[in-house]
Amino acid sequence: MTRKPAVGMVAVAGRRQASLDVAKRLEQEGFDGIYCPSLTDNLAFCTALAFSTNEIKFGTSITNMYARHPQDFAQTAAFIHEVSNGRFRFGVGVSHGPTHARMGIQAGKPLGEMRQFVADLRSAVQPISGELPPIVLAALRKKMTQLAAEISEGAVWANAARSHMAESLSVIPEAQMQDDDFFVGNMIPTCISDDREAAAAVLRRVLTGYVQLPNYQNYWIEAGYEEEMMAIREAIANNEKDKLPDLMSTRWLSNVTLYGTASEVREGIEAWYDTGLKTLIVVPSSAKGNQMVALEEVITALR
């Protein structure tokens, strides 16, 4: 029987109560966790999850560390940690260039600023605020992974390459890999459909923004996809972004996502666990509808 992974989800306007209802179902169905990306106010959603669920683990994956003052983050994270009885994981990251531009942020060196952010977060803790939850750093390449092992309680990837995962994890000390309290996760775009080409097309759309980001391009080059990434860079330089979906090879897509029939996705989940990943987070999309449809497809496929 396939192990039930964690699920990535957002609570968008008009469907927030429905999202909480789905979260309750995920808990009842035995899924491993619920992790919330930064498309909406994921800390607000996590606060609601603390009261709407009883046992399932949940967290941000991730919160943009520049979005609030560390003291403000510390107060909110400590509150969620306490009222959830320790089920919350505070995933934080430096986010991406386009997000920084939209927010008017001048980001500096990712490693140094992340180290300072975690130090500032911990120094903001006061008796009135309570204890912080486990902190999980958004990782991609090895230096940030090493920093996560040094100063935090876990590392989480998004859109990692399965073939490269063991190499990424090799810089985490074995004692931490064996420690159940050290979080090691990856957000995996997922689309379940008997029409594999339709599912692949959905995920190519999902990842179109990511393949334009230099940090992701560099990671995927490191992971063995130089040909694809150099072609994508050339298309972007020539203002031919319409070509990007065709440049996302099936070889690459099959390695960084899960798609196809329910049985194929179940097999893919097990293959991901074989890399050493502890928390597999499927991020559902659907070839037939919105996120709510996609979540239902995941629940049904993994019963």
C-alpha atoms as a PDB file:
ATOM      1  CA  MET A   1       0.000   0.000   0.000  1.00  0.00           C
ATOM      2  CA  THR A   2       1.327   3.438  -0.963  1.00  0.00           C
ATOM      3  CA  ARG A   3       2.311   5.640   1.938  1.00  0.00           C
ATOM      4  CA  LYS A   4       0.139   8.722   2.076  1.00  0.00           C
ATOM      5  CA  PRO A   5       2.246  11.828   1.543  1.00  0.00           C
ATOM      6  CA  ALA A   6       1.683  15.325   2.837  1.00  0.00           C
ATOM      7  CA  VAL A   7      -0.306  17.735   0.680  1.00  0.00           C
ATOM      8  CA  GLY A   8       0.426  21.284  -0.389  1.00  0.00           C
ATOM      9  CA  MET A   9      -2.540  23.624  -0.554  1.00  0.00           C
ATOM     10  CA  VAL A  10      -3.533  27.280  -0.467  1.00  0.00           C
ATOM     11  CA  ALA A  11      -6.713  28.918   0.787  1.00  0.00           C
ATOM     12  CA  VAL A  12      -7.824  31.323  -1.933  1.00  0.00           C
ATOM     13  CA  ALA A  13     -10.577  33.905  -1.635  1.00  0.00           C
ATOM     14  CA  GLY A  14     -14.062  32.412  -1.705  1.00  0.00           C
ATOM     15  CA  ARG A  15     -12.838  28.913  -0.861  1.00  0.00           C
ATOM     16  CA  ARG A  16     -11.219  29.390   2.535  1.00  0.00           C
ATOM     17  CA  GLN A  17     -13.815  27.540   4.567  1.00  0.00           C
ATOM     18  CA  ALA A  18     -13.939  24.825   1.917  1.00  0.00           C
ATOM     19  CA  SER A  19     -10.151  24.535   2.175  1.00  0.00           C
ATOM     20  CA  LEU A  20     -10.408  24.003   5.919  1.00  0.00           C
ATOM     21  CA  ASP A  21     -13.042  21.349   5.319  1.00  0.00           C
ATOM     22  CA  VAL A  22     -10.661  19.570   2.931  1.00  0.00           C
ATOM     23  CA  ALA A  23      -7.910  19.839   5.547  1.00  0.00           C
ATOM     24  CA  LYS A  24     -10.144  17.974   7.993  1.00  0.00           C
ATOM     25  CA  ARG A  25     -10.676  15.262   5.380  1.00  0.00           C
ATOM     26  CA  LEU A  26      -6.941  14.964   4.763  1.00  0.00           C
ATOM     27  CA  GLU A  27      -6.486  14.407   8.477  1.00  0.00           C
ATOM     28  CA  GLN A  28      -9.243  11.794   8.570  1.00  0.00           C
ATOM     29  CA  GLU A  29      -7.791  10.029   5.519  1.00  0.00           C
ATOM     30  CA  GLY A  30      -4.380   9.720   7.191  1.00  0.00           C
ATOM     31  CA  PHE A  31      -2.282  12.051   5.056  1.00  0.00           C
ATOM     32  CA  ASP A  32       1.126  12.932   6.433  1.00  0.00           C
ATOM     33  CA  GLY A  33       0.706  16.688   6.665  1.00  0.00           C
ATOM     34  CA  ILE A  34      -0.504  19.937   5.101  1.00  0.00           C
ATOM     35  CA  TYR A  35       2.020  22.510   3.891  1.00  0.00           C
ATOM     36  CA  CYS A  36       1.122  25.940   2.590  1.00  0.00           C
ATOM     37  CA  PRO A  37       3.069  27.932  -0.029  1.00  0.00           C
ATOM     38  CA  SER A  38       3.231  31.718   0.019  1.00  0.00           C
ATOM     39  CA  LEU A  39       0.653  32.447  -2.683  1.00  0.00           C
ATOM     40  CA  THR A  40      -1.687  33.721   0.009  1.00  0.00           C
ATOM     41  CA  ASP A  41      -1.296  34.537   3.723  1.00  0.00           C
ATOM     42  CA  ASN A  42      -0.128  31.074   4.727  1.00  0.00           C
ATOM     43  CA  LEU A  43       0.386  32.035   8.363  1.00  0.00           C
ATOM     44  CA  ALA A  44      -3.286  33.007   8.582  1.00  0.00           C
ATOM     45  CA  PHE A  45      -4.216  29.675   7.025  1.00  0.00           C
ATOM     46  CA  CYS A  46      -1.947  27.819   9.449  1.00  0.00           C
ATOM     47  CA  THR A  47      -3.581  29.606  12.368  1.00  0.00           C
ATOM     48  CA  ALA A  48      -6.942  28.336  11.135  1.00  0.00           C
ATOM     49  CA  LEU A  49      -5.519  24.831  10.649  1.00  0.00           C
ATOM     50  CA  ALA A  50      -4.402  24.811  14.282  1.00  0.00           C
ATOM     51  CA  PHE A  51      -8.038  25.091  15.352  1.00  0.00           C
ATOM     52  CA  SER A  52      -9.677  23.114  12.525  1.00  0.00           C
ATOM     53  CA  THR A  53      -7.555  19.958  12.848  1.00  0.00           C
ATOM     54  CA  ASN A  54      -6.413  17.885  15.806  1.00  0.00           C
ATOM     55  CA  GLU A  55      -3.493  15.622  14.914  1.00  0.00           C
ATOM     56  CA  ILE A  56      -2.120  16.275  11.434  1.00  0.00           C
ATOM     57  CA  LYS A  57       1.161  18.174  11.131  1.00  0.00           C
ATOM     58  CA  PHE A  58       1.189  21.359   9.080  1.00  0.00           C
ATOM     59  CA  GLY A  59       3.369  24.301   8.215  1.00  0.00           C
ATOM     60  CA  THR A  60       4.426  27.039   5.845  1.00  0.00           C
ATOM     61  CA  SER A  61       6.398  25.967   2.822  1.00  0.00           C
ATOM     62  CA  ILE A  62       7.497  28.576   2.657  1.00  0.00           C
ATOM     63  CA  THR A  63       6.992  32.056   4.117  1.00  0.00           C
ATOM     64  CA  ASN A  64       8.996  34.867   2.531  1.00  0.00           C
ATOM     65  CA  MET A  65      11.372  35.994   5.281  1.00  0.00           C
ATOM     66  CA  TYR A  66      11.331  39.591   4.027  1.00  0.00           C
ATOM     67  CA  ALA A  67       7.556  39.968   4.325  1.00  0.00           C
ATOM     68  CA  ARG A  68       7.521  40.927   8.028  1.00  0.00           C
ATOM     69  CA  HIS A  69       9.845  41.993  10.804  1.00  0.00           C
ATOM     70  CA  PRO A  70      11.417  38.980  12.569  1.00  0.00           C
ATOM     71  CA  GLN A  71       9.845  40.007  15.875  1.00  0.00           C
ATOM     72  CA  ASP A  72       6.402  39.976  14.277  1.00  0.00           C
ATOM     73  CA  PHE A  73       7.088  36.575  12.732  1.00  0.00           C
ATOM     74  CA  ALA A  74       8.268  35.247  16.098  1.00  0.00           C
ATOM     75  CA  GLN A  75       5.058  36.317  17.836  1.00  0.00           C
ATOM     76  CA  THR A  76       2.821  34.691  15.221  1.00  0.00           C
ATOM     77  CA  ALA A  77       4.863  31.503  14.876  1.00  0.00           C
ATOM     78  CA  ALA A  78       5.006  31.019  18.648  1.00  0.00           C
ATOM     79  CA  PHE A  79       1.249  31.481  18.898  1.00  0.00           C
ATOM     80  CA  ILE A  80       0.540  28.832  16.247  1.00  0.00           C
ATOM     81  CA  HIS A  81       3.098  26.505  17.819  1.00  0.00           C
ATOM     82  CA  GLU A  82       1.386  26.699  21.198  1.00  0.00           C
ATOM     83  CA  VAL A  83      -2.254  26.415  20.119  1.00  0.00           C
ATOM     84  CA  SER A  84      -1.473  23.510  17.764  1.00  0.00           C
ATOM     85  CA  ASN A  85       0.301  21.522  20.487  1.00  0.00           C
ATOM     86  CA  GLY A  86       3.552  21.491  18.542  1.00  0.00           C
ATOM     87  CA  ARG A  87       2.200  20.384  15.163  1.00  0.00           C
ATOM     88  CA  PHE A  88       3.389  23.485  13.271  1.00  0.00           C
ATOM     89  CA  ARG A  89       6.599  23.787  11.212  1.00  0.00           C
ATOM     90  CA  PHE A  90       7.704  27.304  10.301  1.00  0.00           C
ATOM     91  CA  GLY A  91       9.189  27.047   6.819  1.00  0.00           C
ATOM     92  CA  VAL A  92      11.005  30.201   5.708  1.00  0.00           C
ATOM     93  CA  GLY A  93      12.955  31.173   2.626  1.00  0.00           C
ATOM     94  CA  VAL A  94      14.441  34.033   0.640  1.00  0.00           C
ATOM     95  CA  SER A  95      11.801  33.616  -2.119  1.00  0.00           C
ATOM     96  CA  HIS A  96      12.604  34.838  -5.659  1.00  0.00           C
ATOM     97  CA  GLY A  97      13.592  37.905  -7.630  1.00  0.00           C
ATOM     98  CA  PRO A  98      10.164  38.683  -9.139  1.00  0.00           C
ATOM     99  CA  THR A  99       8.590  38.538  -5.663  1.00  0.00           C
ATOM    100  CA  HIS A 100      11.257  40.867  -4.289  1.00  0.00           C
ATOM    101  CA  ALA A 101      10.611  43.315  -7.131  1.00  0.00           C
ATOM    102  CA  ARG A 102       6.860  43.249  -6.529  1.00  0.00           C
ATOM    103  CA  MET A 103       7.369  43.957  -2.828  1.00  0.00           C
ATOM    104  CA  GLY A 104      10.031  46.608  -3.372  1.00  0.00           C
ATOM    105  CA  ILE A 105      12.644  44.522  -1.531  1.00  0.00           C
ATOM    106  CA  GLN A 106      16.387  44.825  -2.076  1.00  0.00           C
ATOM    107  CA  ALA A 107      17.572  41.334  -1.169  1.00  0.00           C
ATOM    108  CA  GLY A 108      21.219  40.730  -0.408  1.00  0.00           C
ATOM    109  CA  LYS A 109      23.293  37.561  -0.106  1.00  0.00           C
ATOM    110  CA  PRO A 110      20.849  34.671   0.556  1.00  0.00           C
ATOM    111  CA  LEU A 111      23.071  32.702   2.941  1.00  0.00           C
ATOM    112  CA  GLY A 112      24.090  35.647   5.080  1.00  0.00           C
ATOM    113  CA  GLU A 113      20.624  37.137   5.232  1.00  0.00           C
ATOM    114  CA  MET A 114      19.043  33.804   6.114  1.00  0.00           C
ATOM    115  CA  ARG A 115      21.564  33.261   8.909  1.00  0.00           C
ATOM    116  CA  GLN A 116      20.815  36.749  10.258  1.00  0.00           C
ATOM    117  CA  PHE A 117      17.051  36.253   9.946  1.00  0.00           C
ATOM    118  CA  VAL A 118      17.099  33.055  12.004  1.00  0.00           C
ATOM    119  CA  ALA A 119      19.280  34.721  14.631  1.00  0.00           C
ATOM    120  CA  ASP A 120      16.939  37.722  14.774  1.00  0.00           C
ATOM    121  CA  LEU A 121      13.904  35.437  14.974  1.00  0.00           C
ATOM    122  CA  ARG A 122      15.330  33.535  17.921  1.00  0.00           C
ATOM    123  CA  SER A 123      16.499  36.670  19.715  1.00  0.00           C
ATOM    124  CA  ALA A 124      12.958  38.084  19.472  1.00  0.00           C
ATOM    125  CA  VAL A 125      11.558  35.322  21.674  1.00  0.00           C
ATOM    126  CA  GLN A 126      10.310  36.619  25.021  1.00  0.00           C
ATOM    127  CA  PRO A 127       8.398  34.961  27.866  1.00  0.00           C
ATOM    128  CA  ILE A 128       5.251  36.740  26.720  1.00  0.00           C
ATOM    129  CA  SER A 129       5.533  35.254  23.213  1.00  0.00           C
ATOM    130  CA  GLY A 130       6.400  31.665  24.136  1.00  0.00           C
ATOM    131  CA  GLU A 131       8.570  29.129  22.354  1.00  0.00           C
ATOM    132  CA  LEU A 132       9.226  29.100  18.624  1.00  0.00           C
ATOM    133  CA  PRO A 133       8.194  26.135  16.500  1.00  0.00           C
ATOM    134  CA  PRO A 134      10.788  24.132  14.575  1.00  0.00           C
ATOM    135  CA  ILE A 135      12.273  26.317  11.830  1.00  0.00           C
ATOM    136  CA  VAL A 136      12.682  24.790   8.369  1.00  0.00           C
ATOM    137  CA  LEU A 137      14.760  26.499   5.675  1.00  0.00           C
ATOM    138  CA  ALA A 138      13.921  26.521   1.984  1.00  0.00           C
ATOM    139  CA  ALA A 139      16.816  24.737   0.308  1.00  0.00           C
ATOM    140  CA  LEU A 140      17.816  24.277  -3.301  1.00  0.00           C
ATOM    141  CA  ARG A 141      21.567  23.968  -3.665  1.00  0.00           C
ATOM    142  CA  LYS A 142      24.071  22.527  -1.211  1.00  0.00           C
ATOM    143  CA  LYS A 143      25.239  25.636   0.654  1.00  0.00           C
ATOM    144  CA  MET A 144      21.717  26.479   1.814  1.00  0.00           C
ATOM    145  CA  THR A 145      21.155  22.825   2.705  1.00  0.00           C
ATOM    146  CA  GLN A 146      24.292  22.879   4.843  1.00  0.00           C
ATOM    147  CA  LEU A 147      23.081  26.072   6.512  1.00  0.00           C
ATOM    148  CA  ALA A 148      19.727  24.430   7.248  1.00  0.00           C
ATOM    149  CA  ALA A 149      21.516  21.544   8.951  1.00  0.00           C
ATOM    150  CA  GLU A 150      23.628  24.000  10.945  1.00  0.00           C
ATOM    151  CA  ILE A 151      21.048  26.495  12.233  1.00  0.00           C
ATOM    152  CA  SER A 152      17.549  25.047  11.813  1.00  0.00           C
ATOM    153  CA  GLU A 153      15.362  22.005  12.341  1.00  0.00           C
ATOM    154  CA  GLY A 154      14.950  21.037   8.721  1.00  0.00           C
ATOM    155  CA  ALA A 155      15.180  21.713   5.004  1.00  0.00           C
ATOM    156  CA  VAL A 156      12.474  21.802   2.359  1.00  0.00           C
ATOM    157  CA  TRP A 157      12.792  21.897  -1.411  1.00  0.00           C
ATOM    158  CA  ALA A 158      10.281  22.773  -4.102  1.00  0.00           C
ATOM    159  CA  ASN A 159      10.463  21.189  -7.563  1.00  0.00           C
ATOM    160  CA  ALA A 160      13.625  19.242  -6.788  1.00  0.00           C
ATOM    161  CA  ALA A 161      14.911  16.631  -9.238  1.00  0.00           C
ATOM    162  CA  ARG A 162      14.395  13.098  -7.933  1.00  0.00           C
ATOM    163  CA  SER A 163      17.610  11.860  -9.527  1.00  0.00           C
ATOM    164  CA  HIS A 164      19.562  14.549  -7.650  1.00  0.00           C
ATOM    165  CA  MET A 165      17.854  14.285  -4.268  1.00  0.00           C
ATOM    166  CA  ALA A 166      20.292  11.830  -2.711  1.00  0.00           C
ATOM    167  CA  GLU A 167      23.169  14.099  -3.731  1.00  0.00           C
ATOM    168  CA  SER A 168      21.429  17.099  -2.166  1.00  0.00           C
ATOM    169  CA  LEU A 169      20.852  15.182   1.060  1.00  0.00           C
ATOM    170  CA  SER A 170      24.473  14.019   1.233  1.00  0.00           C
ATOM    171  CA  VAL A 171      25.538  17.267   2.935  1.00  0.00           C
ATOM    172  CA  ILE A 172      23.154  16.741   5.868  1.00  0.00           C
ATOM    173  CA  PRO A 173      24.903  14.876   8.722  1.00  0.00           C
ATOM    174  CA  GLU A 174      23.731  11.311   9.139  1.00  0.00           C
ATOM    175  CA  ALA A 175      22.635  11.959  12.742  1.00  0.00           C
ATOM    176  CA  GLN A 176      20.153  14.549  11.516  1.00  0.00           C
ATOM    177  CA  MET A 177      18.938  12.335   8.691  1.00  0.00           C
ATOM    178  CA  GLN A 178      18.223   9.660  11.298  1.00  0.00           C
ATOM    179  CA  ASP A 179      16.528  12.139  13.635  1.00  0.00           C
ATOM    180  CA  ASP A 180      12.748  12.015  13.196  1.00  0.00           C
ATOM    181  CA  ASP A 181      12.523  15.609  14.415  1.00  0.00           C
ATOM    182  CA  PHE A 182      14.715  16.943  11.591  1.00  0.00           C
ATOM    183  CA  PHE A 183      12.410  17.802   8.685  1.00  0.00           C
ATOM    184  CA  VAL A 184      13.426  16.867   5.137  1.00  0.00           C
ATOM    185  CA  GLY A 185      10.729  17.617   2.590  1.00  0.00           C
ATOM    186  CA  ASN A 186      10.030  18.471  -1.035  1.00  0.00           C
ATOM    187  CA  MET A 187       7.033  20.107  -2.710  1.00  0.00           C
ATOM    188  CA  ILE A 188       6.268  18.082  -5.856  1.00  0.00           C
ATOM    189  CA  PRO A 189       3.873  19.389  -8.535  1.00  0.00           C
ATOM    190  CA  THR A 190       1.368  16.587  -9.117  1.00  0.00           C
ATOM    191  CA  CYS A 191      -1.388  15.959 -11.649  1.00  0.00           C
ATOM    192  CA  ILE A 192      -3.395  12.729 -11.732  1.00  0.00           C
ATOM    193  CA  SER A 193      -5.096  11.908 -15.018  1.00  0.00           C
ATOM    194  CA  ASP A 194      -5.519   8.993 -17.395  1.00  0.00           C
ATOM    195  CA  ASP A 195      -4.607  11.516 -20.106  1.00  0.00           C
ATOM    196  CA  ARG A 196      -0.886  11.730 -19.446  1.00  0.00           C
ATOM    197  CA  GLU A 197      -0.280  14.404 -22.087  1.00  0.00           C
ATOM    198  CA  ALA A 198      -2.955  16.634 -20.618  1.00  0.00           C
ATOM    199  CA  ALA A 199      -1.455  16.173 -17.161  1.00  0.00           C
ATOM    200  CA  ALA A 200       2.025  16.968 -18.484  1.00  0.00           C
ATOM    201  CA  ALA A 201       0.716  20.121 -20.154  1.00  0.00           C
ATOM    202  CA  VAL A 202      -0.798  21.273 -16.868  1.00  0.00           C
ATOM    203  CA  LEU A 203       2.499  20.834 -15.032  1.00  0.00           C
ATOM    204  CA  ARG A 204       4.474  22.571 -17.756  1.00  0.00           C
ATOM    205  CA  ARG A 205       2.206  25.581 -17.215  1.00  0.00           C
ATOM    206  CA  VAL A 206       2.693  25.321 -13.456  1.00  0.00           C
ATOM    207  CA  LEU A 207       6.481  25.350 -13.842  1.00  0.00           C
ATOM    208  CA  THR A 208       6.770  28.007 -16.554  1.00  0.00           C
ATOM    209  CA  GLY A 209       7.549  30.711 -13.993  1.00  0.00           C
ATOM    210  CA  TYR A 210      10.114  28.587 -12.204  1.00  0.00           C
ATOM    211  CA  VAL A 211      12.167  27.749 -15.298  1.00  0.00           C
ATOM    212  CA  GLN A 212      12.671  31.488 -15.846  1.00  0.00           C
ATOM    213  CA  LEU A 213      14.362  31.937 -12.454  1.00  0.00           C
ATOM    214  CA  PRO A 214      18.200  31.897 -12.584  1.00  0.00           C
ATOM    215  CA  ASN A 215      18.532  30.129  -9.216  1.00  0.00           C
ATOM    216  CA  TYR A 216      16.323  27.284 -10.401  1.00  0.00           C
ATOM    217  CA  GLN A 217      18.079  27.123 -13.759  1.00  0.00           C
ATOM    218  CA  ASN A 218      21.409  26.772 -11.956  1.00  0.00           C
ATOM    219  CA  TYR A 219      20.009  24.045  -9.718  1.00  0.00           C
ATOM    220  CA  TRP A 220      18.607  22.037 -12.627  1.00  0.00           C
ATOM    221  CA  ILE A 221      21.901  22.411 -14.513  1.00  0.00           C
ATOM    222  CA  GLU A 222      23.629  20.966 -11.454  1.00  0.00           C
ATOM    223  CA  ALA A 223      21.052  18.167 -11.470  1.00  0.00           C
ATOM    224  CA  GLY A 224      21.910  17.180 -15.053  1.00  0.00           C
ATOM    225  CA  TYR A 225      19.562  19.250 -17.200  1.00  0.00           C
ATOM    226  CA  GLU A 226      21.997  21.694 -18.771  1.00  0.00           C
ATOM    227  CA  GLU A 227      20.681  21.179 -22.310  1.00  0.00           C
ATOM    228  CA  GLU A 228      17.130  22.073 -21.309  1.00  0.00           C
ATOM    229  CA  MET A 229      18.113  25.055 -19.185  1.00  0.00           C
ATOM    230  CA  MET A 230      20.477  26.559 -21.766  1.00  0.00           C
ATOM    231  CA  ALA A 231      17.753  26.292 -24.408  1.00  0.00           C
ATOM    232  CA  ILE A 232      15.316  27.976 -22.028  1.00  0.00           C
ATOM    233  CA  ARG A 233      17.797  30.781 -21.326  1.00  0.00           C
ATOM    234  CA  GLU A 234      18.239  31.337 -25.044  1.00  0.00           C
ATOM    235  CA  ALA A 235      14.476  31.498 -25.598  1.00  0.00           C
ATOM    236  CA  ILE A 236      14.111  34.037 -22.788  1.00  0.00           C
ATOM    237  CA  ALA A 237      16.979  36.144 -24.157  1.00  0.00           C
ATOM    238  CA  ASN A 238      15.295  36.142 -27.591  1.00  0.00           C
ATOM    239  CA  ASN A 239      11.927  37.112 -26.069  1.00  0.00           C
ATOM    240  CA  GLU A 240      10.450  33.763 -27.164  1.00  0.00           C
ATOM    241  CA  LYS A 241       8.774  32.686 -23.956  1.00  0.00           C
ATOM    242  CA  ASP A 242       6.034  30.974 -25.942  1.00  0.00           C
ATOM    243  CA  LYS A 243       8.616  28.285 -26.693  1.00  0.00           C
ATOM    244  CA  LEU A 244       9.227  27.423 -23.039  1.00  0.00           C
ATOM    245  CA  PRO A 245       6.680  24.580 -22.679  1.00  0.00           C
ATOM    246  CA  ASP A 246       8.226  22.751 -25.646  1.00  0.00           C
ATOM    247  CA  LEU A 247      11.689  23.135 -24.102  1.00  0.00           C
ATOM    248  CA  MET A 248      10.648  21.437 -20.848  1.00  0.00           C
ATOM    249  CA  SER A 249      11.607  17.920 -21.865  1.00  0.00           C
ATOM    250  CA  THR A 250       9.674  14.849 -20.783  1.00  0.00           C
ATOM    251  CA  ARG A 251      12.921  13.584 -19.232  1.00  0.00           C
ATOM    252  CA  TRP A 252      13.105  16.687 -17.026  1.00  0.00           C
ATOM    253  CA  LEU A 253       9.373  16.892 -16.281  1.00  0.00           C
ATOM    254  CA  SER A 254       9.182  13.247 -15.204  1.00  0.00           C
ATOM    255  CA  ASN A 255      12.019  13.849 -12.757  1.00  0.00           C
ATOM    256  CA  VAL A 256      10.691  16.965 -11.026  1.00  0.00           C
ATOM    257  CA  THR A 257       6.942  16.225 -10.994  1.00  0.00           C
ATOM    258  CA  LEU A 258       4.440  13.413 -10.571  1.00  0.00           C
ATOM    259  CA  TYR A 259       1.862  12.911 -13.294  1.00  0.00           C
ATOM    260  CA  GLY A 260      -0.182  10.271 -15.066  1.00  0.00           C
ATOM    261  CA  THR A 261      -2.591   7.638 -13.878  1.00  0.00           C
ATOM    262  CA  ALA A 262      -3.284   7.025 -10.203  1.00  0.00           C
ATOM    263  CA  SER A 263      -1.122   3.903 -10.239  1.00  0.00           C
ATOM    264  CA  GLU A 264       1.755   5.752 -11.931  1.00  0.00           C
ATOM    265  CA  VAL A 265       1.615   8.518  -9.343  1.00  0.00           C
ATOM    266  CA  ARG A 266       1.534   5.970  -6.516  1.00  0.00           C
ATOM    267  CA  GLU A 267       4.638   4.301  -7.959  1.00  0.00           C
ATOM    268  CA  GLY A 268       6.290   7.701  -8.269  1.00  0.00           C
ATOM    269  CA  ILE A 269       5.594   8.485  -4.633  1.00  0.00           C
ATOM    270  CA  GLU A 270       7.376   5.323  -3.541  1.00  0.00           C
ATOM    271  CA  ALA A 271      10.309   6.150  -5.829  1.00  0.00           C
ATOM    272  CA  TRP A 272      10.602   9.548  -4.153  1.00  0.00           C
ATOM    273  CA  TYR A 273      10.673   7.995  -0.705  1.00  0.00           C
ATOM    274  CA  ASP A 274      13.514   5.763  -1.888  1.00  0.00           C
ATOM    275  CA  THR A 275      15.715   8.874  -2.309  1.00  0.00           C
ATOM    276  CA  GLY A 276      15.810   9.408   1.465  1.00  0.00           C
ATOM    277  CA  LEU A 277      13.159  12.108   1.485  1.00  0.00           C
ATOM    278  CA  LYS A 278      11.223  12.069   4.771  1.00  0.00           C
ATOM    279  CA  THR A 279       8.228  14.265   3.921  1.00  0.00           C
ATOM    280  CA  LEU A 280       6.910  14.117   0.387  1.00  0.00           C
ATOM    281  CA  ILE A 281       4.501  17.002  -0.277  1.00  0.00           C
ATOM    282  CA  VAL A 282       2.326  16.549  -3.342  1.00  0.00           C
ATOM    283  CA  VAL A 283       1.059  19.863  -4.724  1.00  0.00           C
ATOM    284  CA  PRO A 284      -2.062  18.943  -6.689  1.00  0.00           C
ATOM    285  CA  SER A 285      -3.210  20.428  -9.982  1.00  0.00           C
ATOM    286  CA  SER A 286      -5.945  19.000 -12.167  1.00  0.00           C
ATOM    287  CA  ALA A 287      -6.456  18.570 -15.893  1.00  0.00           C
ATOM    288  CA  LYS A 288     -10.196  18.864 -15.244  1.00  0.00           C
ATOM    289  CA  GLY A 289     -10.662  21.718 -12.780  1.00  0.00           C
ATOM    290  CA  ASN A 290      -9.352  23.836  -9.943  1.00  0.00           C
ATOM    291  CA  GLN A 291      -7.391  23.019  -6.800  1.00  0.00           C
ATOM    292  CA  MET A 292     -10.468  21.574  -5.079  1.00  0.00           C
ATOM    293  CA  VAL A 293     -10.905  19.098  -7.926  1.00  0.00           C
ATOM    294  CA  ALA A 294      -7.204  18.250  -7.776  1.00  0.00           C
ATOM    295  CA  LEU A 295      -7.349  17.622  -4.033  1.00  0.00           C
ATOM    296  CA  GLU A 296     -10.297  15.276  -4.508  1.00  0.00           C
ATOM    297  CA  GLU A 297      -8.341  13.397  -7.180  1.00  0.00           C
ATOM    298  CA  VAL A 298      -5.423  12.932  -4.786  1.00  0.00           C
ATOM    299  CA  ILE A 299      -7.664  11.742  -1.940  1.00  0.00           C
ATOM    300  CA  THR A 300      -9.376   9.217  -4.235  1.00  0.00           C
ATOM    301  CA  ALA A 301      -6.139   7.959  -5.830  1.00  0.00           C
ATOM    302  CA  LEU A 302      -4.480   7.281  -2.476  1.00  0.00           C
ATOM    303  CA  ARG A 303      -7.280   5.467  -0.690  1.00  0.00           C
END
